[in-house]
PDB file of all heavy atoms in Angstrom:
ATOM      1  N   ILE A   1      -5.454  -5.324  -7.792  1.00  0.00           N
ATOM      2  CA  ILE A   1      -5.733  -4.109  -7.027  1.00  0.00           C
ATOM      3  C   ILE A   1      -6.299  -4.449  -5.652  1.00  0.00           C
ATOM      4  O   ILE A   1      -5.972  -3.785  -4.652  1.00  0.00           O
ATOM      5  CB  ILE A   1      -6.712  -3.194  -7.800  1.00  0.00           C
ATOM      6  CG1 ILE A   1      -6.092  -2.715  -9.114  1.00  0.00           C
ATOM      7  CG2 ILE A   1      -7.129  -1.997  -6.943  1.00  0.00           C
ATOM      8  CD1 ILE A   1      -4.836  -1.921  -8.965  1.00  0.00           C
ATOM      9  N   THR A   2      -7.129  -5.489  -5.572  1.00  0.00           N
ATOM     10  CA  THR A   2      -7.712  -5.853  -4.272  1.00  0.00           C
ATOM     11  C   THR A   2      -6.679  -6.412  -3.308  1.00  0.00           C
ATOM     12  O   THR A   2      -6.952  -6.518  -2.107  1.00  0.00           O
ATOM     13  CB  THR A   2      -8.846  -6.877  -4.442  1.00  0.00           C
ATOM     14  OG1 THR A   2      -8.343  -8.068  -5.071  1.00  0.00           O
ATOM     15  CG2 THR A   2      -9.977  -6.310  -5.287  1.00  0.00           C
ATOM     16  N   GLU A   3      -5.488  -6.755  -3.801  1.00  0.00           N
ATOM     17  CA  GLU A   3      -4.424  -7.237  -2.917  1.00  0.00           C
ATOM     18  C   GLU A   3      -3.668  -6.094  -2.242  1.00  0.00           C
ATOM     19  O   GLU A   3      -2.855  -6.337  -1.349  1.00  0.00           O
ATOM     20  CB  GLU A   3      -3.432  -8.093  -3.708  1.00  0.00           C
ATOM     21  CG  GLU A   3      -4.019  -9.393  -4.245  1.00  0.00           C
ATOM     22  CD  GLU A   3      -3.001 -10.213  -5.017  1.00  0.00           C
ATOM     23  OE1 GLU A   3      -1.808  -9.833  -5.009  1.00  0.00           O
ATOM     24  OE2 GLU A   3      -3.383 -11.228  -5.627  1.00  0.00           O
ATOM     25  N   ILE A   4      -3.915  -4.859  -2.657  1.00  0.00           N
ATOM     26  CA  ILE A   4      -3.213  -3.710  -2.078  1.00  0.00           C
ATOM     27  C   ILE A   4      -3.818  -3.394  -0.717  1.00  0.00           C
ATOM     28  O   ILE A   4      -5.025  -3.210  -0.594  1.00  0.00           O
ATOM     29  CB  ILE A   4      -3.306  -2.485  -3.004  1.00  0.00           C
ATOM     30  CG1 ILE A   4      -2.685  -2.821  -4.369  1.00  0.00           C
ATOM     31  CG2 ILE A   4      -2.598  -1.285  -2.383  1.00  0.00           C
ATOM     32  CD1 ILE A   4      -2.867  -1.730  -5.413  1.00  0.00           C
ATOM     33  N   ASP A   5      -2.967  -3.339   0.295  1.00  0.00           N
ATOM     34  CA  ASP A   5      -3.440  -3.119   1.663  1.00  0.00           C
ATOM     35  C   ASP A   5      -3.957  -1.699   1.858  1.00  0.00           C
ATOM     36  O   ASP A   5      -3.427  -0.740   1.296  1.00  0.00           O
ATOM     37  CB  ASP A   5      -2.301  -3.373   2.661  1.00  0.00           C
ATOM     38  CG  ASP A   5      -1.815  -4.811   2.627  1.00  0.00           C
ATOM     39  OD1 ASP A   5      -2.636  -5.701   2.329  1.00  0.00           O
ATOM     40  OD2 ASP A   5      -0.624  -5.044   2.880  1.00  0.00           O
ATOM     41  N   ARG A   6      -4.971  -1.590   2.693  1.00  0.00           N
ATOM     42  CA  ARG A   6      -5.436  -0.283   3.146  1.00  0.00           C
ATOM     43  C   ARG A   6      -4.618   0.123   4.365  1.00  0.00           C
ATOM     44  O   ARG A   6      -4.511  -0.647   5.317  1.00  0.00           O
ATOM     45  CB  ARG A   6      -6.918  -0.323   3.524  1.00  0.00           C
ATOM     46  CG  ARG A   6      -7.862  -0.282   2.334  1.00  0.00           C
ATOM     47  CD  ARG A   6      -9.301  -0.241   2.820  1.00  0.00           C
ATOM     48  NE  ARG A   6     -10.226  -0.016   1.730  1.00  0.00           N
ATOM     49  CZ  ARG A   6     -10.611   1.178   1.300  1.00  0.00           C
ATOM     50  NH1 ARG A   6     -10.128   2.263   1.893  1.00  0.00           N
ATOM     51  NH2 ARG A   6     -11.467   1.304   0.309  1.00  0.00           N
ATOM     52  N   PRO A   7      -4.043   1.313   4.367  1.00  0.00           N
ATOM     53  CA  PRO A   7      -3.261   1.727   5.542  1.00  0.00           C
ATOM     54  C   PRO A   7      -4.169   2.001   6.734  1.00  0.00           C
ATOM     55  O   PRO A   7      -5.365   2.296   6.574  1.00  0.00           O
ATOM     56  CB  PRO A   7      -2.572   3.013   5.060  1.00  0.00           C
ATOM     57  CG  PRO A   7      -3.457   3.539   3.992  1.00  0.00           C
ATOM     58  CD  PRO A   7      -4.060   2.348   3.316  1.00  0.00           C
ATOM     59  N   SER A   8      -3.601   1.916   7.914  1.00  0.00           N
ATOM     60  CA  SER A   8      -4.361   2.198   9.125  1.00  0.00           C
ATOM     61  C   SER A   8      -4.813   3.652   9.133  1.00  0.00           C
ATOM     62  O   SER A   8      -4.040   4.554   8.794  1.00  0.00           O
ATOM     63  CB  SER A   8      -3.491   1.927  10.357  1.00  0.00           C
ATOM     64  OG  SER A   8      -4.120   2.440  11.520  1.00  0.00           O
ATOM     65  N   PRO A   9      -6.071   3.908   9.494  1.00  0.00           N
ATOM     66  CA  PRO A   9      -6.550   5.301   9.557  1.00  0.00           C
ATOM     67  C   PRO A   9      -5.831   6.122  10.625  1.00  0.00           C
ATOM     68  O   PRO A   9      -5.944   7.354  10.635  1.00  0.00           O
ATOM     69  CB  PRO A   9      -8.041   5.141   9.886  1.00  0.00           C
ATOM     70  CG  PRO A   9      -8.179   3.781  10.481  1.00  0.00           C
ATOM     71  CD  PRO A   9      -7.128   2.942   9.841  1.00  0.00           C
ATOM     72  N   GLU A  10      -5.087   5.469  11.502  1.00  0.00           N
ATOM     73  CA  GLU A  10      -4.377   6.190  12.558  1.00  0.00           C
ATOM     74  C   GLU A  10      -3.084   6.827  12.044  1.00  0.00           C
ATOM     75  O   GLU A  10      -2.506   7.683  12.724  1.00  0.00           O
ATOM     76  CB  GLU A  10      -4.049   5.236  13.716  1.00  0.00           C
ATOM     77  CG  GLU A  10      -5.295   4.636  14.382  1.00  0.00           C
ATOM     78  CD  GLU A  10      -4.940   3.627  15.452  1.00  0.00           C
ATOM     79  OE1 GLU A  10      -3.735   3.380  15.639  1.00  0.00           O
ATOM     80  OE2 GLU A  10      -5.858   3.093  16.090  1.00  0.00           O
ATOM     81  N   LEU A  11      -2.640   6.420  10.864  1.00  0.00           N
ATOM     82  CA  LEU A  11      -1.400   6.968  10.322  1.00  0.00           C
ATOM     83  C   LEU A  11      -1.641   8.364   9.763  1.00  0.00           C
ATOM     84  O   LEU A  11      -2.724   8.686   9.292  1.00  0.00           O
ATOM     85  CB  LEU A  11      -0.864   6.070   9.203  1.00  0.00           C
ATOM     86  CG  LEU A  11      -0.490   4.636   9.587  1.00  0.00           C
ATOM     87  CD1 LEU A  11      -0.056   3.869   8.343  1.00  0.00           C
ATOM     88  CD2 LEU A  11       0.610   4.618  10.626  1.00  0.00           C
ATOM     89  N   GLY A  12      -0.622   9.191   9.787  1.00  0.00           N
ATOM     90  CA  GLY A  12      -0.688  10.470   9.098  1.00  0.00           C
ATOM     91  C   GLY A  12      -0.703  10.245   7.596  1.00  0.00           C
ATOM     92  O   GLY A  12      -0.341   9.168   7.109  1.00  0.00           O
ATOM     93  N   TRP A  13      -1.109  11.274   6.825  1.00  0.00           N
ATOM     94  CA  TRP A  13      -1.268  11.094   5.379  1.00  0.00           C
ATOM     95  C   TRP A  13       0.012  10.643   4.696  1.00  0.00           C
ATOM     96  O   TRP A  13      -0.013   9.802   3.793  1.00  0.00           O
ATOM     97  CB  TRP A  13      -1.776  12.395   4.744  1.00  0.00           C
ATOM     98  CG  TRP A  13      -0.761  13.512   4.720  1.00  0.00           C
ATOM     99  CD1 TRP A  13      -0.629  14.525   5.617  1.00  0.00           C
ATOM    100  CD2 TRP A  13       0.286  13.696   3.749  1.00  0.00           C
ATOM    101  NE1 TRP A  13       0.432  15.332   5.281  1.00  0.00           N
ATOM    102  CE2 TRP A  13       1.009  14.857   4.137  1.00  0.00           C
ATOM    103  CE3 TRP A  13       0.681  13.012   2.602  1.00  0.00           C
ATOM    104  CZ2 TRP A  13       2.105  15.326   3.408  1.00  0.00           C
ATOM    105  CZ3 TRP A  13       1.776  13.485   1.872  1.00  0.00           C
ATOM    106  CH2 TRP A  13       2.473  14.633   2.276  1.00  0.00           C
ATOM    107  N   LYS A  14       1.162  11.172   5.118  1.00  0.00           N
ATOM    108  CA  LYS A  14       2.413  10.883   4.425  1.00  0.00           C
ATOM    109  C   LYS A  14       2.812   9.419   4.583  1.00  0.00           C
ATOM    110  O   LYS A  14       3.141   8.740   3.598  1.00  0.00           O
ATOM    111  CB  LYS A  14       3.516  11.799   4.964  1.00  0.00           C
ATOM    112  CG  LYS A  14       4.816  11.751   4.171  1.00  0.00           C
ATOM    113  CD  LYS A  14       5.800  12.783   4.730  1.00  0.00           C
ATOM    114  CE  LYS A  14       7.098  12.804   3.955  1.00  0.00           C
ATOM    115  NZ  LYS A  14       8.061  13.785   4.534  1.00  0.00           N
ATOM    116  N   ARG A  15       2.753   8.928   5.802  1.00  0.00           N
ATOM    117  CA  ARG A  15       3.100   7.526   6.035  1.00  0.00           C
ATOM    118  C   ARG A  15       2.052   6.601   5.415  1.00  0.00           C
ATOM    119  O   ARG A  15       2.396   5.541   4.878  1.00  0.00           O
ATOM    120  CB  ARG A  15       3.223   7.265   7.533  1.00  0.00           C
ATOM    121  CG  ARG A  15       3.692   5.851   7.848  1.00  0.00           C
ATOM    122  CD  ARG A  15       3.891   5.650   9.333  1.00  0.00           C
ATOM    123  NE  ARG A  15       4.125   4.252   9.653  1.00  0.00           N
ATOM    124  CZ  ARG A  15       4.106   3.753  10.873  1.00  0.00           C
ATOM    125  NH1 ARG A  15       3.891   4.557  11.914  1.00  0.00           N
ATOM    126  NH2 ARG A  15       4.323   2.464  11.083  1.00  0.00           N
ATOM    127  N   ALA A  16       0.789   7.016   5.460  1.00  0.00           N
ATOM    128  CA  ALA A  16      -0.280   6.194   4.891  1.00  0.00           C
ATOM    129  C   ALA A  16      -0.107   6.035   3.386  1.00  0.00           C
ATOM    130  O   ALA A  16      -0.244   4.931   2.836  1.00  0.00           O
ATOM    131  CB  ALA A  16      -1.638   6.808   5.210  1.00  0.00           C
ATOM    132  N   VAL A  17       0.201   7.129   2.694  1.00  0.00           N
ATOM    133  CA  VAL A  17       0.414   7.056   1.244  1.00  0.00           C
ATOM    134  C   VAL A  17       1.627   6.184   0.941  1.00  0.00           C
ATOM    135  O   VAL A  17       1.597   5.344   0.031  1.00  0.00           O
ATOM    136  CB  VAL A  17       0.588   8.465   0.646  1.00  0.00           C
ATOM    137  CG1 VAL A  17       1.049   8.379  -0.810  1.00  0.00           C
ATOM    138  CG2 VAL A  17      -0.711   9.253   0.741  1.00  0.00           C
ATOM    139  N   ARG A  18       2.688   6.374   1.702  1.00  0.00           N
ATOM    140  CA  ARG A  18       3.906   5.598   1.455  1.00  0.00           C
ATOM    141  C   ARG A  18       3.639   4.099   1.619  1.00  0.00           C
ATOM    142  O   ARG A  18       4.032   3.287   0.771  1.00  0.00           O
ATOM    143  CB  ARG A  18       5.020   6.044   2.404  1.00  0.00           C
ATOM    144  CG  ARG A  18       6.382   5.467   2.066  1.00  0.00           C
ATOM    145  CD  ARG A  18       7.457   5.974   3.024  1.00  0.00           C
ATOM    146  NE  ARG A  18       8.785   5.731   2.501  1.00  0.00           N
ATOM    147  CZ  ARG A  18       9.433   4.567   2.608  1.00  0.00           C
ATOM    148  NH1 ARG A  18       8.879   3.552   3.242  1.00  0.00           N
ATOM    149  NH2 ARG A  18      10.649   4.434   2.087  1.00  0.00           N
ATOM    150  N   GLU A  19       2.952   3.736   2.697  1.00  0.00           N
ATOM    151  CA  GLU A  19       2.684   2.327   2.932  1.00  0.00           C
ATOM    152  C   GLU A  19       1.764   1.749   1.865  1.00  0.00           C
ATOM    153  O   GLU A  19       1.940   0.615   1.419  1.00  0.00           O
ATOM    154  CB  GLU A  19       2.090   2.127   4.325  1.00  0.00           C
ATOM    155  CG  GLU A  19       3.085   2.387   5.439  1.00  0.00           C
ATOM    156  CD  GLU A  19       2.660   1.806   6.774  1.00  0.00           C
ATOM    157  OE1 GLU A  19       1.586   1.156   6.826  1.00  0.00           O
ATOM    158  OE2 GLU A  19       3.407   1.996   7.758  1.00  0.00           O
ATOM    159  N   ARG A  20       0.788   2.545   1.435  1.00  0.00           N
ATOM    160  CA  ARG A  20      -0.136   2.045   0.417  1.00  0.00           C
ATOM    161  C   ARG A  20       0.571   1.813  -0.908  1.00  0.00           C
ATOM    162  O   ARG A  20       0.373   0.789  -1.564  1.00  0.00           O
ATOM    163  CB  ARG A  20      -1.297   3.023   0.230  1.00  0.00           C
ATOM    164  CG  ARG A  20      -2.159   2.698  -0.987  1.00  0.00           C
ATOM    165  CD  ARG A  20      -3.539   3.241  -0.859  1.00  0.00           C
ATOM    166  NE  ARG A  20      -4.454   2.174  -0.466  1.00  0.00           N
ATOM    167  CZ  ARG A  20      -5.749   2.149  -0.801  1.00  0.00           C
ATOM    168  NH1 ARG A  20      -6.273   3.145  -1.474  1.00  0.00           N
ATOM    169  NH2 ARG A  20      -6.527   1.164  -0.443  1.00  0.00           N
ATOM    170  N   LEU A  21       1.415   2.742  -1.312  1.00  0.00           N
ATOM    171  CA  LEU A  21       2.093   2.591  -2.602  1.00  0.00           C
ATOM    172  C   LEU A  21       3.158   1.495  -2.570  1.00  0.00           C
ATOM    173  O   LEU A  21       3.395   0.822  -3.579  1.00  0.00           O
ATOM    174  CB  LEU A  21       2.691   3.926  -3.049  1.00  0.00           C
ATOM    175  CG  LEU A  21       1.754   4.801  -3.907  1.00  0.00           C
ATOM    176  CD1 LEU A  21       0.418   5.054  -3.211  1.00  0.00           C
ATOM    177  CD2 LEU A  21       2.411   6.109  -4.266  1.00  0.00           C
ATOM    178  N   LEU A  22       3.776   1.292  -1.419  1.00  0.00           N
ATOM    179  CA  LEU A  22       4.708   0.173  -1.301  1.00  0.00           C
ATOM    180  C   LEU A  22       3.953  -1.155  -1.319  1.00  0.00           C
ATOM    181  O   LEU A  22       4.459  -2.167  -1.824  1.00  0.00           O
ATOM    182  CB  LEU A  22       5.546   0.302  -0.030  1.00  0.00           C
ATOM    183  CG  LEU A  22       6.576   1.432  -0.046  1.00  0.00           C
ATOM    184  CD1 LEU A  22       7.330   1.494   1.287  1.00  0.00           C
ATOM    185  CD2 LEU A  22       7.561   1.271  -1.200  1.00  0.00           C
ATOM    186  N   SER A  23       2.737  -1.177  -0.773  1.00  0.00           N
ATOM    187  CA  SER A  23       1.907  -2.373  -0.866  1.00  0.00           C
ATOM    188  C   SER A  23       1.511  -2.632  -2.318  1.00  0.00           C
ATOM    189  O   SER A  23       1.491  -3.779  -2.774  1.00  0.00           O
ATOM    190  CB  SER A  23       0.654  -2.216  -0.002  1.00  0.00           C
ATOM    191  OG  SER A  23      -0.195  -3.342  -0.134  1.00  0.00           O
ATOM    192  N   ALA A  24       1.221  -1.545  -3.061  1.00  0.00           N
ATOM    193  CA  ALA A  24       0.916  -1.693  -4.491  1.00  0.00           C
ATOM    194  C   ALA A  24       2.113  -2.285  -5.223  1.00  0.00           C
ATOM    195  O   ALA A  24       1.950  -3.143  -6.110  1.00  0.00           O
ATOM    196  CB  ALA A  24       0.540  -0.338  -5.078  1.00  0.00           C
ATOM    197  N   ARG A  25       3.297  -1.847  -4.854  1.00  0.00           N
ATOM    198  CA  ARG A  25       4.496  -2.380  -5.500  1.00  0.00           C
ATOM    199  C   ARG A  25       4.659  -3.870  -5.192  1.00  0.00           C
ATOM    200  O   ARG A  25       4.998  -4.664  -6.085  1.00  0.00           O
ATOM    201  CB  ARG A  25       5.742  -1.614  -5.057  1.00  0.00           C
ATOM    202  CG  ARG A  25       7.009  -2.154  -5.691  1.00  0.00           C
ATOM    203  CD  ARG A  25       8.134  -1.160  -5.693  1.00  0.00           C
ATOM    204  NE  ARG A  25       9.316  -1.705  -6.327  1.00  0.00           N
ATOM    205  CZ  ARG A  25       9.507  -1.788  -7.637  1.00  0.00           C
ATOM    206  NH1 ARG A  25       8.578  -1.346  -8.467  1.00  0.00           N
ATOM    207  NH2 ARG A  25      10.618  -2.295  -8.147  1.00  0.00           N
ATOM    208  N   ARG A  26       4.411  -4.264  -3.966  1.00  0.00           N
ATOM    209  CA  ARG A  26       4.506  -5.689  -3.633  1.00  0.00           C
ATOM    210  C   ARG A  26       3.495  -6.501  -4.448  1.00  0.00           C
ATOM    211  O   ARG A  26       3.792  -7.617  -4.890  1.00  0.00           O
ATOM    212  CB  ARG A  26       4.282  -5.901  -2.137  1.00  0.00           C
ATOM    213  CG  ARG A  26       5.420  -5.390  -1.256  1.00  0.00           C
ATOM    214  CD  ARG A  26       5.288  -5.885   0.169  1.00  0.00           C
ATOM    215  NE  ARG A  26       4.112  -5.350   0.841  1.00  0.00           N
ATOM    216  CZ  ARG A  26       4.080  -4.190   1.492  1.00  0.00           C
ATOM    217  NH1 ARG A  26       5.179  -3.429   1.557  1.00  0.00           N
ATOM    218  NH2 ARG A  26       2.978  -3.781   2.104  1.00  0.00           N
ATOM    219  N   ALA A  27       2.316  -5.938  -4.661  1.00  0.00           N
ATOM    220  CA  ALA A  27       1.287  -6.642  -5.426  1.00  0.00           C
ATOM    221  C   ALA A  27       1.730  -6.861  -6.870  1.00  0.00           C
ATOM    222  O   ALA A  27       1.588  -7.966  -7.415  1.00  0.00           O
ATOM    223  CB  ALA A  27      -0.035  -5.871  -5.373  1.00  0.00           C
ATOM    224  N   VAL A  28       2.269  -5.816  -7.519  1.00  0.00           N
ATOM    225  CA  VAL A  28       2.666  -5.987  -8.924  1.00  0.00           C
ATOM    226  C   VAL A  28       3.922  -6.854  -9.041  1.00  0.00           C
ATOM    227  O   VAL A  28       4.114  -7.518 -10.067  1.00  0.00           O
ATOM    228  CB  VAL A  28       2.864  -4.629  -9.636  1.00  0.00           C
ATOM    229  CG1 VAL A  28       1.582  -3.838  -9.671  1.00  0.00           C
ATOM    230  CG2 VAL A  28       3.991  -3.824  -9.031  1.00  0.00           C
ATOM    231  N   LEU A  29       4.760  -6.877  -8.020  1.00  0.00           N
ATOM    232  CA  LEU A  29       5.925  -7.768  -8.061  1.00  0.00           C
ATOM    233  C   LEU A  29       5.501  -9.227  -7.900  1.00  0.00           C
ATOM    234  O   LEU A  29       6.165 -10.129  -8.416  1.00  0.00           O
ATOM    235  CB  LEU A  29       6.929  -7.381  -6.973  1.00  0.00           C
ATOM    236  CG  LEU A  29       7.683  -6.067  -7.197  1.00  0.00           C
ATOM    237  CD1 LEU A  29       8.609  -5.765  -6.014  1.00  0.00           C
ATOM    238  CD2 LEU A  29       8.488  -6.100  -8.497  1.00  0.00           C
ATOM    239  N   ARG A  30       4.410  -9.472  -7.185  1.00  0.00           N
ATOM    240  CA  ARG A  30       3.896 -10.845  -7.071  1.00  0.00           C
ATOM    241  C   ARG A  30       3.345 -11.334  -8.403  1.00  0.00           C
ATOM    242  O   ARG A  30       3.262 -12.542  -8.640  1.00  0.00           O
ATOM    243  CB  ARG A  30       2.797 -10.917  -6.007  1.00  0.00           C
ATOM    244  CG  ARG A  30       3.286 -10.913  -4.579  1.00  0.00           C
ATOM    245  CD  ARG A  30       2.190 -11.332  -3.608  1.00  0.00           C
ATOM    246  NE  ARG A  30       1.080 -10.397  -3.582  1.00  0.00           N
ATOM    247  CZ  ARG A  30       1.003  -9.335  -2.774  1.00  0.00           C
ATOM    248  NH1 ARG A  30       2.008  -9.064  -1.934  1.00  0.00           N
ATOM    249  NH2 ARG A  30      -0.055  -8.555  -2.781  1.00  0.00           N
ATOM    250  N   HIS A  31       2.922 -10.405  -9.241  1.00  0.00           N
ATOM    251  CA  HIS A  31       2.318 -10.755 -10.526  1.00  0.00           C
ATOM    252  C   HIS A  31       3.093 -10.024 -11.630  1.00  0.00           C
ATOM    253  O   HIS A  31       2.733  -8.905 -12.014  1.00  0.00           O
ATOM    254  CB  HIS A  31       0.850 -10.348 -10.545  1.00  0.00           C
ATOM    255  CG  HIS A  31       0.052 -10.895  -9.393  1.00  0.00           C
ATOM    256  ND1 HIS A  31      -0.303 -12.225  -9.298  1.00  0.00           N
ATOM    257  CD2 HIS A  31      -0.442 -10.286  -8.275  1.00  0.00           C
ATOM    258  CE1 HIS A  31      -0.990 -12.411  -8.183  1.00  0.00           C
ATOM    259  NE2 HIS A  31      -1.086 -11.258  -7.550  1.00  0.00           N
ATOM    260  N   PRO A  32       4.163 -10.609 -12.152  1.00  0.00           N
ATOM    261  CA  PRO A  32       5.044  -9.896 -13.094  1.00  0.00           C
ATOM    262  C   PRO A  32       4.335  -9.374 -14.349  1.00  0.00           C
ATOM    263  O   PRO A  32       4.821  -8.448 -14.983  1.00  0.00           O
ATOM    264  CB  PRO A  32       6.093 -10.959 -13.454  1.00  0.00           C
ATOM    265  CG  PRO A  32       6.088 -11.919 -12.306  1.00  0.00           C
ATOM    266  CD  PRO A  32       4.677 -11.948 -11.820  1.00  0.00           C
TER     267      PRO A  32
END
């Protein structure tokens, strides 16, 4: 969980959520 990136506070909510969840996906793919 600590490997999941925090999105930039300058992003709107929609892009911020999308980037965060895609970062979560990258984290779980690194650890099968």
